[in-house]
Amino acid sequence: MESVTKTAERIIVTHGYARCSTNESKQDIDRQVRELKAAGATKIWMEYEHGDAPTKEQQDMMWDTVRPGDTVIITEPSRLSRSVQQFCAIVETIKTKRIRLQILGSITIDCRTNEPDPMTVAFLQLIAVFSELELSMIRARVRSGVANARAKGKQLGRPPITAERIPDSFFRYLAKYQIGEINVSELARLAQISRPTAYRYLSAVNKERKGN
C-alpha cells in the first residue's frame, strides 16, 4: 500500500505515532521514528508523556486530524497507552473514524470498510491488560526501592534545576513564550520536552531572576 495515495476526494495519509515517557529517552523515540518512516509513515507525531496519562496532546491532535481511509502506525501497543480503558476508547475512535491501525510486527485493525474482526479487537485488549499490569508492577518496584533507600537514609529526588541545567533549546523559544506568541504546550513542543518539564524550567528561571 502506498503511504500516501490520492483519491477523487482527498489524499489518504499514513500517520506514525511515537511516544516516550520523558524527553530524556530521545534515543528511543528516534528509533521509533526511524521504524515508522521505514514502514511508510509520512506524518510523524512525537509525544513525551507517560503511557497512562489521561491526556496526550499530540495523540489527541492526531485523532482529530485523521480522516476516513487513513492509517496510523505504532511500533508497539504501549506507545499508544498503558491503560485498558484508554485502549477501549482508542478502538472506538478507530471504528468511528473508519481508519486502519497497524502495530509493527503484530496485529492490524482495519476499519476502513468494515467492522474490525472481534478476535483482533479482543487480542488488542488483552495486550492492553498486560501492558497496564506491567506498568503497575514497575511502579510497585519503584515504590519498594524508594522505601528501601529512605530506610537507609539516602537522599532521594531530582537535583535542583538551575539555569545551567536547562537545555539551550528551551531558551531558544523562551522569549516567544514571554511575549505571548506561543503557549506552554507550544513551547514544550518546540523545545522537545514534556509540558511538566517546561513548567519546571519556567519555575527555575523565575526563581533565579527573583534571586538576582
N, C-alpha and C. Protein backbone atom coordinates (compact mmCIF):
# COMPACT_ATOMS: atom_id res chain seq x y z
N MET A 1 0.84 -1.20 0.00
CA MET A 1 0.00 0.00 0.00
C MET A 1 0.87 1.24 0.00
N GLU A 2 0.54 2.23 -0.84
CA GLU A 2 1.29 3.47 -0.85
C GLU A 2 1.05 4.22 0.45
N SER A 3 2.10 4.85 0.96
CA SER A 3 1.96 5.58 2.21
C SER A 3 1.06 6.79 2.05
N VAL A 4 1.06 7.40 0.85
CA VAL A 4 0.14 8.49 0.56
C VAL A 4 -0.44 8.24 -0.82
N THR A 5 -1.73 8.06 -0.90
CA THR A 5 -2.39 7.81 -2.18
C THR A 5 -3.49 8.83 -2.36
N LYS A 6 -3.70 9.29 -3.60
CA LYS A 6 -4.68 10.32 -3.88
C LYS A 6 -5.95 9.67 -4.38
N THR A 7 -7.07 10.03 -3.78
CA THR A 7 -8.37 9.57 -4.24
C THR A 7 -9.06 10.73 -4.93
N ALA A 8 -10.30 10.50 -5.40
CA ALA A 8 -11.05 11.55 -6.08
C ALA A 8 -11.41 12.67 -5.11
N GLU A 9 -11.43 12.37 -3.83
CA GLU A 9 -11.86 13.36 -2.86
C GLU A 9 -10.72 13.97 -2.07
N ARG A 10 -9.75 13.14 -1.64
CA ARG A 10 -8.73 13.64 -0.74
C ARG A 10 -7.49 12.75 -0.80
N ILE A 11 -6.46 13.18 -0.09
CA ILE A 11 -5.23 12.39 -0.01
C ILE A 11 -5.29 11.51 1.22
N ILE A 12 -5.04 10.21 1.03
CA ILE A 12 -5.00 9.26 2.14
C ILE A 12 -3.61 9.34 2.77
N VAL A 13 -3.56 9.53 4.08
CA VAL A 13 -2.29 9.75 4.77
C VAL A 13 -1.97 8.61 5.71
N THR A 14 -0.70 8.24 5.79
CA THR A 14 -0.23 7.26 6.76
C THR A 14 0.49 8.00 7.89
N HIS A 15 -0.11 7.96 9.07
CA HIS A 15 0.44 8.64 10.24
C HIS A 15 1.29 7.68 11.07
N GLY A 16 2.31 8.20 11.71
CA GLY A 16 3.11 7.42 12.64
C GLY A 16 3.09 8.09 14.00
N TYR A 17 2.92 7.31 15.06
CA TYR A 17 2.89 7.89 16.40
C TYR A 17 3.99 7.28 17.25
N ALA A 18 4.84 8.15 17.81
CA ALA A 18 5.95 7.71 18.66
C ALA A 18 5.82 8.38 20.02
N ARG A 19 6.03 7.61 21.09
CA ARG A 19 5.91 8.18 22.43
C ARG A 19 6.99 7.63 23.37
N CYS A 20 7.49 8.52 24.23
CA CYS A 20 8.36 8.14 25.34
C CYS A 20 7.88 8.88 26.57
N SER A 21 8.20 8.35 27.74
CA SER A 21 7.72 8.96 28.98
C SER A 21 8.33 10.34 29.22
N THR A 22 9.61 10.51 28.88
CA THR A 22 10.26 11.79 29.09
C THR A 22 11.14 12.11 27.89
N ASN A 23 11.52 13.38 27.78
CA ASN A 23 12.39 13.79 26.68
C ASN A 23 13.81 13.27 26.85
N GLU A 24 14.10 12.66 28.01
CA GLU A 24 15.42 12.11 28.23
C GLU A 24 15.62 10.81 27.45
N SER A 25 14.51 10.24 26.92
CA SER A 25 14.59 8.99 26.16
C SER A 25 14.65 9.27 24.67
N LYS A 26 15.38 10.32 24.28
CA LYS A 26 15.41 10.75 22.88
C LYS A 26 15.89 9.64 21.96
N GLN A 27 16.85 8.83 22.42
CA GLN A 27 17.38 7.76 21.58
C GLN A 27 16.27 6.76 21.23
N ASP A 28 15.40 6.47 22.20
CA ASP A 28 14.32 5.52 21.96
C ASP A 28 13.29 6.09 21.00
N ILE A 29 12.93 7.36 21.17
CA ILE A 29 11.93 7.94 20.28
C ILE A 29 12.48 8.10 18.88
N ASP A 30 13.78 8.36 18.75
CA ASP A 30 14.41 8.40 17.42
C ASP A 30 14.32 7.04 16.74
N ARG A 31 14.51 5.98 17.52
CA ARG A 31 14.39 4.62 16.96
C ARG A 31 12.97 4.38 16.46
N GLN A 32 11.99 4.78 17.25
CA GLN A 32 10.61 4.61 16.83
C GLN A 32 10.33 5.35 15.53
N VAL A 33 10.81 6.58 15.44
CA VAL A 33 10.59 7.40 14.25
C VAL A 33 11.20 6.73 13.02
N ARG A 34 12.41 6.20 13.17
CA ARG A 34 13.06 5.52 12.03
C ARG A 34 12.21 4.33 11.57
N GLU A 35 11.72 3.53 12.52
CA GLU A 35 10.92 2.36 12.16
C GLU A 35 9.59 2.76 11.53
N LEU A 36 9.00 3.83 12.02
CA LEU A 36 7.72 4.28 11.47
C LEU A 36 7.90 4.79 10.03
N LYS A 37 8.96 5.53 9.80
CA LYS A 37 9.23 6.02 8.45
C LYS A 37 9.52 4.87 7.50
N ALA A 38 10.28 3.88 7.99
CA ALA A 38 10.58 2.71 7.15
C ALA A 38 9.32 1.94 6.79
N ALA A 39 8.31 2.01 7.67
CA ALA A 39 7.04 1.31 7.43
C ALA A 39 6.10 2.10 6.53
N GLY A 40 6.49 3.33 6.18
CA GLY A 40 5.68 4.11 5.25
C GLY A 40 4.99 5.32 5.83
N ALA A 41 5.21 5.62 7.10
CA ALA A 41 4.57 6.79 7.71
C ALA A 41 5.15 8.08 7.13
N THR A 42 4.27 8.99 6.73
CA THR A 42 4.72 10.26 6.16
C THR A 42 4.45 11.43 7.09
N LYS A 43 3.57 11.25 8.05
CA LYS A 43 3.29 12.28 9.06
C LYS A 43 3.58 11.66 10.42
N ILE A 44 4.60 12.17 11.12
CA ILE A 44 5.02 11.61 12.40
C ILE A 44 4.58 12.51 13.54
N TRP A 45 3.95 11.90 14.53
CA TRP A 45 3.55 12.60 15.75
C TRP A 45 4.43 12.09 16.89
N MET A 46 5.13 13.00 17.57
CA MET A 46 6.02 12.61 18.67
C MET A 46 5.50 13.15 19.99
N GLU A 47 5.51 12.32 21.00
CA GLU A 47 4.95 12.67 22.31
C GLU A 47 5.93 12.32 23.41
N TYR A 48 6.06 13.21 24.39
CA TYR A 48 6.81 12.91 25.61
C TYR A 48 5.82 12.96 26.77
N GLU A 49 5.27 11.82 27.11
CA GLU A 49 4.23 11.73 28.12
C GLU A 49 4.16 10.31 28.64
N HIS A 50 3.66 10.15 29.87
CA HIS A 50 3.53 8.82 30.45
C HIS A 50 2.43 8.03 29.74
N GLY A 51 2.60 6.70 29.71
CA GLY A 51 1.69 5.85 28.96
C GLY A 51 0.26 5.89 29.42
N ASP A 52 0.02 6.09 30.72
CA ASP A 52 -1.35 6.11 31.22
C ASP A 52 -1.83 7.52 31.54
N ALA A 53 -1.12 8.52 31.04
CA ALA A 53 -1.55 9.90 31.26
C ALA A 53 -2.95 10.10 30.68
N PRO A 54 -3.85 10.77 31.41
CA PRO A 54 -5.21 10.93 30.92
C PRO A 54 -5.32 11.73 29.64
N THR A 55 -4.34 12.62 29.43
CA THR A 55 -4.33 13.44 28.21
C THR A 55 -2.98 13.36 27.54
N LYS A 56 -3.00 13.05 26.24
CA LYS A 56 -1.77 13.05 25.43
C LYS A 56 -2.02 14.02 24.29
N GLU A 57 -1.42 15.18 24.37
CA GLU A 57 -1.74 16.27 23.46
C GLU A 57 -1.52 15.91 22.00
N GLN A 58 -0.35 15.36 21.68
CA GLN A 58 -0.05 15.03 20.29
C GLN A 58 -0.96 13.91 19.77
N GLN A 59 -1.22 12.92 20.62
CA GLN A 59 -2.11 11.84 20.19
C GLN A 59 -3.52 12.36 19.95
N ASP A 60 -3.99 13.22 20.84
CA ASP A 60 -5.33 13.81 20.65
C ASP A 60 -5.40 14.59 19.35
N MET A 61 -4.33 15.33 19.05
CA MET A 61 -4.29 16.08 17.79
C MET A 61 -4.30 15.14 16.60
N MET A 62 -3.61 14.01 16.73
CA MET A 62 -3.58 13.02 15.65
C MET A 62 -4.97 12.47 15.38
N TRP A 63 -5.68 12.07 16.47
CA TRP A 63 -7.04 11.53 16.27
C TRP A 63 -7.96 12.57 15.66
N ASP A 64 -7.75 13.85 15.99
CA ASP A 64 -8.57 14.91 15.39
C ASP A 64 -8.24 15.12 13.92
N THR A 65 -6.98 14.81 13.55
CA THR A 65 -6.52 15.07 12.19
C THR A 65 -6.87 13.96 11.21
N VAL A 66 -6.80 12.70 11.69
CA VAL A 66 -7.02 11.57 10.77
C VAL A 66 -8.40 11.64 10.14
N ARG A 67 -8.49 11.15 8.93
CA ARG A 67 -9.74 11.12 8.18
C ARG A 67 -10.01 9.70 7.68
N PRO A 68 -11.25 9.39 7.33
CA PRO A 68 -11.58 8.04 6.85
C PRO A 68 -10.62 7.57 5.76
N GLY A 69 -10.13 6.35 5.92
CA GLY A 69 -9.19 5.79 4.96
C GLY A 69 -7.74 5.90 5.36
N ASP A 70 -7.44 6.77 6.33
CA ASP A 70 -6.05 6.94 6.77
C ASP A 70 -5.57 5.73 7.56
N THR A 71 -4.26 5.64 7.73
CA THR A 71 -3.63 4.58 8.53
C THR A 71 -2.80 5.22 9.63
N VAL A 72 -2.83 4.62 10.81
CA VAL A 72 -1.97 5.02 11.93
C VAL A 72 -1.06 3.85 12.25
N ILE A 73 0.25 4.11 12.32
CA ILE A 73 1.23 3.05 12.60
C ILE A 73 1.90 3.35 13.95
N ILE A 74 2.05 2.30 14.76
CA ILE A 74 2.82 2.41 16.00
C ILE A 74 3.79 1.24 16.06
N THR A 75 4.85 1.39 16.85
CA THR A 75 5.83 0.31 16.93
C THR A 75 5.38 -0.80 17.88
N GLU A 76 4.61 -0.44 18.90
CA GLU A 76 4.10 -1.42 19.86
C GLU A 76 2.90 -0.83 20.58
N PRO A 77 2.00 -1.65 21.11
CA PRO A 77 0.77 -1.14 21.73
C PRO A 77 1.00 -0.15 22.86
N SER A 78 2.04 -0.36 23.67
CA SER A 78 2.27 0.51 24.82
C SER A 78 2.61 1.94 24.42
N ARG A 79 3.00 2.15 23.15
CA ARG A 79 3.27 3.52 22.71
C ARG A 79 1.99 4.34 22.71
N LEU A 80 0.84 3.70 22.37
CA LEU A 80 -0.44 4.41 22.39
C LEU A 80 -0.92 4.65 23.81
N SER A 81 -0.86 3.60 24.63
CA SER A 81 -1.34 3.72 26.00
C SER A 81 -0.95 2.51 26.81
N ARG A 82 -0.95 2.69 28.13
CA ARG A 82 -0.78 1.57 29.06
C ARG A 82 -2.02 1.45 29.95
N SER A 83 -3.15 1.89 29.42
CA SER A 83 -4.42 1.84 30.15
C SER A 83 -5.45 1.08 29.34
N VAL A 84 -6.06 0.06 29.95
CA VAL A 84 -7.09 -0.71 29.26
C VAL A 84 -8.25 0.18 28.86
N GLN A 85 -8.65 1.07 29.76
CA GLN A 85 -9.77 1.97 29.48
C GLN A 85 -9.47 2.84 28.26
N GLN A 86 -8.25 3.36 28.19
CA GLN A 86 -7.88 4.20 27.05
C GLN A 86 -7.84 3.39 25.77
N PHE A 87 -7.36 2.15 25.84
CA PHE A 87 -7.31 1.30 24.66
C PHE A 87 -8.71 1.06 24.11
N CYS A 88 -9.67 0.83 24.98
CA CYS A 88 -11.05 0.61 24.54
C CYS A 88 -11.58 1.85 23.82
N ALA A 89 -11.25 3.03 24.36
CA ALA A 89 -11.67 4.28 23.72
C ALA A 89 -10.98 4.45 22.37
N ILE A 90 -9.72 4.05 22.27
CA ILE A 90 -8.99 4.15 21.01
C ILE A 90 -9.61 3.26 19.95
N VAL A 91 -9.99 2.05 20.32
CA VAL A 91 -10.64 1.13 19.37
C VAL A 91 -11.93 1.76 18.84
N GLU A 92 -12.69 2.40 19.72
CA GLU A 92 -13.92 3.05 19.29
C GLU A 92 -13.62 4.20 18.34
N THR A 93 -12.52 4.93 18.60
CA THR A 93 -12.12 6.01 17.70
C THR A 93 -11.77 5.48 16.33
N ILE A 94 -11.05 4.37 16.29
CA ILE A 94 -10.66 3.75 15.02
C ILE A 94 -11.89 3.34 14.23
N LYS A 95 -12.87 2.78 14.93
CA LYS A 95 -14.10 2.35 14.27
C LYS A 95 -14.91 3.55 13.77
N THR A 96 -15.02 4.58 14.62
CA THR A 96 -15.79 5.77 14.25
C THR A 96 -15.15 6.53 13.10
N LYS A 97 -13.82 6.64 13.15
CA LYS A 97 -13.09 7.38 12.13
C LYS A 97 -12.95 6.59 10.82
N ARG A 98 -13.22 5.29 10.87
CA ARG A 98 -13.07 4.41 9.69
C ARG A 98 -11.63 4.43 9.19
N ILE A 99 -10.70 4.15 10.10
CA ILE A 99 -9.28 4.15 9.74
C ILE A 99 -8.66 2.79 10.04
N ARG A 100 -7.36 2.70 9.83
CA ARG A 100 -6.62 1.45 10.00
C ARG A 100 -5.50 1.67 11.00
N LEU A 101 -5.38 0.79 12.00
CA LEU A 101 -4.28 0.84 12.96
C LEU A 101 -3.36 -0.34 12.72
N GLN A 102 -2.09 -0.04 12.47
CA GLN A 102 -1.09 -1.09 12.23
C GLN A 102 -0.04 -1.06 13.34
N ILE A 103 0.12 -2.20 14.01
CA ILE A 103 1.16 -2.34 15.03
C ILE A 103 2.28 -3.16 14.41
N LEU A 104 3.44 -2.57 14.26
CA LEU A 104 4.54 -3.22 13.55
C LEU A 104 4.88 -4.57 14.18
N GLY A 105 4.98 -5.59 13.34
CA GLY A 105 5.33 -6.92 13.81
C GLY A 105 4.25 -7.60 14.61
N SER A 106 3.04 -7.02 14.61
CA SER A 106 1.96 -7.59 15.41
C SER A 106 0.67 -7.59 14.61
N ILE A 107 -0.39 -6.99 15.15
CA ILE A 107 -1.69 -7.07 14.51
C ILE A 107 -2.07 -5.77 13.83
N THR A 108 -3.09 -5.84 12.99
CA THR A 108 -3.64 -4.68 12.31
C THR A 108 -5.15 -4.69 12.47
N ILE A 109 -5.69 -3.56 12.86
CA ILE A 109 -7.15 -3.40 12.93
C ILE A 109 -7.56 -2.48 11.79
N ASP A 110 -8.33 -3.03 10.85
CA ASP A 110 -8.72 -2.28 9.66
C ASP A 110 -10.22 -2.01 9.69
N CYS A 111 -10.57 -0.76 9.91
CA CYS A 111 -11.98 -0.36 9.97
C CYS A 111 -12.34 0.58 8.81
N ARG A 112 -11.55 0.54 7.74
CA ARG A 112 -11.79 1.47 6.64
C ARG A 112 -13.06 1.13 5.88
N THR A 113 -13.39 -0.15 5.77
CA THR A 113 -14.59 -0.54 5.01
C THR A 113 -15.56 -1.39 5.82
N ASN A 114 -15.04 -2.11 6.81
CA ASN A 114 -15.90 -2.99 7.60
C ASN A 114 -15.61 -2.84 9.08
N GLU A 115 -16.43 -3.48 9.89
CA GLU A 115 -16.18 -3.56 11.32
C GLU A 115 -14.96 -4.44 11.57
N PRO A 116 -14.18 -4.19 12.60
CA PRO A 116 -12.97 -4.99 12.85
C PRO A 116 -13.33 -6.41 13.28
N ASP A 117 -12.40 -7.31 13.02
CA ASP A 117 -12.58 -8.70 13.45
C ASP A 117 -12.63 -8.75 14.97
N PRO A 118 -13.66 -9.34 15.57
CA PRO A 118 -13.79 -9.37 17.03
C PRO A 118 -12.59 -10.01 17.72
N MET A 119 -12.01 -11.05 17.11
CA MET A 119 -10.86 -11.70 17.71
C MET A 119 -9.65 -10.76 17.76
N THR A 120 -9.49 -9.96 16.70
CA THR A 120 -8.39 -8.99 16.66
C THR A 120 -8.55 -7.94 17.76
N VAL A 121 -9.78 -7.44 17.91
CA VAL A 121 -10.06 -6.45 18.95
C VAL A 121 -9.81 -7.04 20.34
N ALA A 122 -10.28 -8.29 20.54
CA ALA A 122 -10.09 -8.95 21.83
C ALA A 122 -8.61 -9.15 22.14
N PHE A 123 -7.83 -9.49 21.10
CA PHE A 123 -6.39 -9.70 21.29
C PHE A 123 -5.71 -8.40 21.67
N LEU A 124 -6.11 -7.28 21.03
CA LEU A 124 -5.53 -5.99 21.36
C LEU A 124 -5.87 -5.59 22.79
N GLN A 125 -7.10 -5.85 23.21
CA GLN A 125 -7.49 -5.53 24.57
C GLN A 125 -6.73 -6.38 25.59
N LEU A 126 -6.44 -7.62 25.21
CA LEU A 126 -5.65 -8.49 26.09
C LEU A 126 -4.23 -7.95 26.22
N ILE A 127 -3.67 -7.47 25.12
CA ILE A 127 -2.35 -6.85 25.16
C ILE A 127 -2.37 -5.64 26.08
N ALA A 128 -3.46 -4.87 26.02
CA ALA A 128 -3.59 -3.69 26.87
C ALA A 128 -3.62 -4.07 28.34
N VAL A 129 -4.28 -5.17 28.67
CA VAL A 129 -4.33 -5.64 30.06
C VAL A 129 -2.93 -5.92 30.57
N PHE A 130 -2.12 -6.63 29.77
CA PHE A 130 -0.76 -6.96 30.20
C PHE A 130 0.12 -5.71 30.24
N SER A 131 -0.12 -4.75 29.34
CA SER A 131 0.64 -3.52 29.34
C SER A 131 0.37 -2.71 30.61
N GLU A 132 -0.90 -2.65 31.01
CA GLU A 132 -1.26 -1.94 32.24
C GLU A 132 -0.70 -2.66 33.46
N LEU A 133 -0.74 -3.99 33.43
CA LEU A 133 -0.19 -4.77 34.54
C LEU A 133 1.31 -4.55 34.66
N GLU A 134 2.00 -4.52 33.53
CA GLU A 134 3.44 -4.30 33.55
C GLU A 134 3.77 -2.95 34.17
N LEU A 135 3.00 -1.91 33.81
CA LEU A 135 3.24 -0.59 34.37
C LEU A 135 3.01 -0.58 35.88
N SER A 136 1.98 -1.28 36.33
CA SER A 136 1.70 -1.36 37.77
C SER A 136 2.83 -2.05 38.51
N MET A 137 3.38 -3.12 37.92
CA MET A 137 4.49 -3.83 38.54
C MET A 137 5.75 -2.97 38.59
N ILE A 138 6.00 -2.21 37.53
CA ILE A 138 7.16 -1.32 37.51
C ILE A 138 7.06 -0.29 38.62
N ARG A 139 5.87 0.30 38.75
CA ARG A 139 5.68 1.32 39.78
C ARG A 139 5.79 0.74 41.18
N ALA A 140 5.31 -0.49 41.33
CA ALA A 140 5.42 -1.14 42.64
C ALA A 140 6.89 -1.36 43.01
N ARG A 141 7.70 -1.77 42.03
CA ARG A 141 9.13 -1.97 42.28
C ARG A 141 9.81 -0.65 42.62
N VAL A 142 9.41 0.41 41.92
CA VAL A 142 10.00 1.73 42.20
C VAL A 142 9.66 2.18 43.61
N ARG A 143 8.39 2.02 44.00
CA ARG A 143 7.98 2.42 45.36
C ARG A 143 8.75 1.63 46.42
N SER A 144 8.94 0.33 46.14
CA SER A 144 9.68 -0.50 47.08
C SER A 144 11.13 -0.05 47.18
N GLY A 145 11.72 0.28 46.03
CA GLY A 145 13.11 0.74 46.03
C GLY A 145 13.27 2.06 46.75
N VAL A 146 12.30 2.96 46.56
CA VAL A 146 12.34 4.26 47.24
C VAL A 146 12.24 4.08 48.76
N ALA A 147 11.31 3.22 49.18
CA ALA A 147 11.14 2.98 50.62
C ALA A 147 12.41 2.38 51.22
N ASN A 148 13.05 1.48 50.48
CA ASN A 148 14.27 0.85 50.95
C ASN A 148 15.41 1.87 51.05
N ALA A 149 15.48 2.76 50.05
CA ALA A 149 16.54 3.77 50.05
C ALA A 149 16.35 4.75 51.20
N ARG A 150 15.09 5.13 51.45
CA ARG A 150 14.82 6.05 52.55
C ARG A 150 15.15 5.42 53.90
N ALA A 151 14.88 4.12 54.01
CA ALA A 151 15.18 3.41 55.25
C ALA A 151 16.68 3.42 55.52
N LYS A 152 17.48 3.49 54.45
CA LYS A 152 18.94 3.51 54.59
C LYS A 152 19.48 4.93 54.71
N GLY A 153 18.56 5.91 54.70
CA GLY A 153 18.97 7.29 54.89
C GLY A 153 19.51 7.97 53.65
N LYS A 154 19.21 7.43 52.47
CA LYS A 154 19.71 8.03 51.24
C LYS A 154 18.86 9.22 50.83
N GLN A 155 19.51 10.22 50.21
CA GLN A 155 18.81 11.40 49.71
C GLN A 155 18.18 11.07 48.37
N LEU A 156 16.88 11.30 48.26
CA LEU A 156 16.16 10.97 47.04
C LEU A 156 15.67 12.23 46.33
N GLY A 157 15.23 12.02 45.12
CA GLY A 157 14.66 13.13 44.35
C GLY A 157 15.63 13.67 43.33
N ARG A 158 15.07 14.47 42.41
CA ARG A 158 15.89 15.07 41.36
C ARG A 158 16.75 16.20 41.93
N PRO A 159 17.92 16.39 41.34
CA PRO A 159 18.72 17.54 41.76
C PRO A 159 18.00 18.82 41.37
N PRO A 160 18.20 19.91 42.11
CA PRO A 160 17.51 21.17 41.79
C PRO A 160 17.86 21.65 40.40
N ILE A 161 16.84 22.21 39.73
CA ILE A 161 17.04 22.71 38.37
C ILE A 161 17.60 24.13 38.44
N THR A 162 18.68 24.35 37.76
CA THR A 162 19.28 25.68 37.65
C THR A 162 19.37 26.04 36.17
N ALA A 163 19.62 27.32 35.90
CA ALA A 163 19.71 27.77 34.51
C ALA A 163 20.77 27.00 33.73
N GLU A 164 21.85 26.62 34.43
CA GLU A 164 22.92 25.89 33.76
C GLU A 164 22.47 24.49 33.30
N ARG A 165 21.46 23.94 33.99
CA ARG A 165 21.00 22.59 33.66
C ARG A 165 19.89 22.59 32.61
N ILE A 166 19.38 23.77 32.25
CA ILE A 166 18.30 23.86 31.27
C ILE A 166 18.90 23.88 29.87
N PRO A 167 18.39 23.05 28.95
CA PRO A 167 18.98 22.98 27.60
C PRO A 167 18.76 24.27 26.81
N ASP A 168 19.67 24.51 25.86
CA ASP A 168 19.59 25.71 25.03
C ASP A 168 18.30 25.75 24.21
N SER A 169 17.78 24.58 23.85
CA SER A 169 16.56 24.54 23.04
C SER A 169 15.40 25.22 23.73
N PHE A 170 15.39 25.18 25.08
CA PHE A 170 14.33 25.84 25.84
C PHE A 170 14.47 27.36 25.75
N PHE A 171 15.68 27.85 25.98
CA PHE A 171 15.91 29.29 25.95
C PHE A 171 15.70 29.87 24.54
N ARG A 172 15.86 29.02 23.52
CA ARG A 172 15.70 29.48 22.15
C ARG A 172 14.28 29.99 21.89
N TYR A 173 13.30 29.39 22.57
CA TYR A 173 11.90 29.77 22.35
C TYR A 173 11.28 30.46 23.56
N LEU A 174 12.05 30.66 24.62
CA LEU A 174 11.52 31.25 25.84
C LEU A 174 11.00 32.67 25.61
N ALA A 175 11.71 33.46 24.83
CA ALA A 175 11.29 34.85 24.59
C ALA A 175 9.93 34.91 23.92
N LYS A 176 9.67 33.98 22.99
CA LYS A 176 8.37 33.96 22.31
C LYS A 176 7.25 33.67 23.30
N TYR A 177 7.54 32.79 24.27
CA TYR A 177 6.54 32.48 25.29
C TYR A 177 6.29 33.70 26.17
N GLN A 178 7.37 34.38 26.53
CA GLN A 178 7.25 35.51 27.46
C GLN A 178 6.49 36.69 26.87
N ILE A 179 6.52 36.83 25.54
CA ILE A 179 5.78 37.94 24.93
C ILE A 179 4.41 37.49 24.43
N GLY A 180 4.09 36.21 24.70
CA GLY A 180 2.75 35.73 24.38
C GLY A 180 2.54 35.19 22.98
N GLU A 181 3.63 35.00 22.21
CA GLU A 181 3.49 34.47 20.86
C GLU A 181 3.14 32.98 20.86
N ILE A 182 3.59 32.27 21.88
CA ILE A 182 3.30 30.84 22.00
C ILE A 182 2.88 30.54 23.43
N ASN A 183 2.15 29.41 23.60
CA ASN A 183 1.76 29.00 24.95
C ASN A 183 2.71 27.93 25.47
N VAL A 184 2.44 27.43 26.66
CA VAL A 184 3.35 26.44 27.27
C VAL A 184 3.42 25.17 26.42
N SER A 185 2.29 24.72 25.91
CA SER A 185 2.28 23.50 25.09
C SER A 185 3.15 23.66 23.85
N GLU A 186 3.05 24.82 23.20
CA GLU A 186 3.87 25.07 22.01
C GLU A 186 5.34 25.20 22.37
N LEU A 187 5.62 25.83 23.52
CA LEU A 187 6.99 25.95 24.00
C LEU A 187 7.59 24.57 24.22
N ALA A 188 6.83 23.68 24.86
CA ALA A 188 7.31 22.33 25.13
C ALA A 188 7.55 21.58 23.83
N ARG A 189 6.63 21.72 22.88
CA ARG A 189 6.77 21.01 21.60
C ARG A 189 8.00 21.48 20.85
N LEU A 190 8.20 22.79 20.77
CA LEU A 190 9.34 23.34 20.04
C LEU A 190 10.66 22.97 20.69
N ALA A 191 10.67 22.95 22.02
CA ALA A 191 11.91 22.61 22.75
C ALA A 191 12.09 21.11 22.91
N GLN A 192 11.09 20.33 22.44
CA GLN A 192 11.11 18.87 22.50
C GLN A 192 11.24 18.37 23.94
N ILE A 193 10.38 18.93 24.80
CA ILE A 193 10.31 18.49 26.18
C ILE A 193 8.84 18.30 26.54
N SER A 194 8.57 17.68 27.67
CA SER A 194 7.20 17.49 28.10
C SER A 194 6.69 18.79 28.74
N ARG A 195 5.36 18.92 28.83
CA ARG A 195 4.80 20.11 29.46
C ARG A 195 5.20 20.24 30.94
N PRO A 196 5.18 19.13 31.72
CA PRO A 196 5.64 19.26 33.11
C PRO A 196 7.08 19.77 33.21
N THR A 197 7.94 19.30 32.28
CA THR A 197 9.33 19.77 32.29
C THR A 197 9.39 21.25 31.95
N ALA A 198 8.57 21.68 31.00
CA ALA A 198 8.53 23.10 30.63
C ALA A 198 8.13 23.95 31.83
N TYR A 199 7.13 23.49 32.58
CA TYR A 199 6.72 24.24 33.78
C TYR A 199 7.85 24.29 34.82
N ARG A 200 8.59 23.19 34.98
CA ARG A 200 9.69 23.19 35.94
C ARG A 200 10.80 24.15 35.51
N TYR A 201 11.08 24.17 34.21
CA TYR A 201 12.11 25.09 33.71
C TYR A 201 11.66 26.55 33.90
N LEU A 202 10.39 26.83 33.63
CA LEU A 202 9.89 28.20 33.80
C LEU A 202 9.97 28.62 35.26
N SER A 203 9.63 27.70 36.15
CA SER A 203 9.71 27.99 37.58
C SER A 203 11.14 28.28 38.00
N ALA A 204 12.09 27.48 37.47
CA ALA A 204 13.51 27.67 37.82
C ALA A 204 14.01 29.02 37.31
N VAL A 205 13.61 29.38 36.09
CA VAL A 205 14.04 30.67 35.52
C VAL A 205 13.48 31.82 36.34
N ASN A 206 12.19 31.73 36.72
CA ASN A 206 11.57 32.80 37.51
C ASN A 206 12.23 32.94 38.88
N LYS A 207 12.55 31.81 39.52
CA LYS A 207 13.20 31.86 40.82
C LYS A 207 14.58 32.50 40.73
N GLU A 208 15.30 32.15 39.66
CA GLU A 208 16.65 32.69 39.52
C GLU A 208 16.63 34.19 39.27
N ARG A 209 15.61 34.64 38.51
CA ARG A 209 15.51 36.08 38.24
C ARG A 209 15.13 36.85 39.49
N LYS A 210 14.24 36.27 40.29
CA LYS A 210 13.85 36.92 41.55
C LYS A 210 15.03 37.00 42.52
N GLY A 211 15.88 35.92 42.47
CA GLY A 211 17.04 35.90 43.34
C GLY A 211 18.08 36.94 42.97
N ASN A 212 18.07 37.29 41.64
CA ASN A 212 19.01 38.30 41.19
C ASN A 212 18.42 39.72 41.35
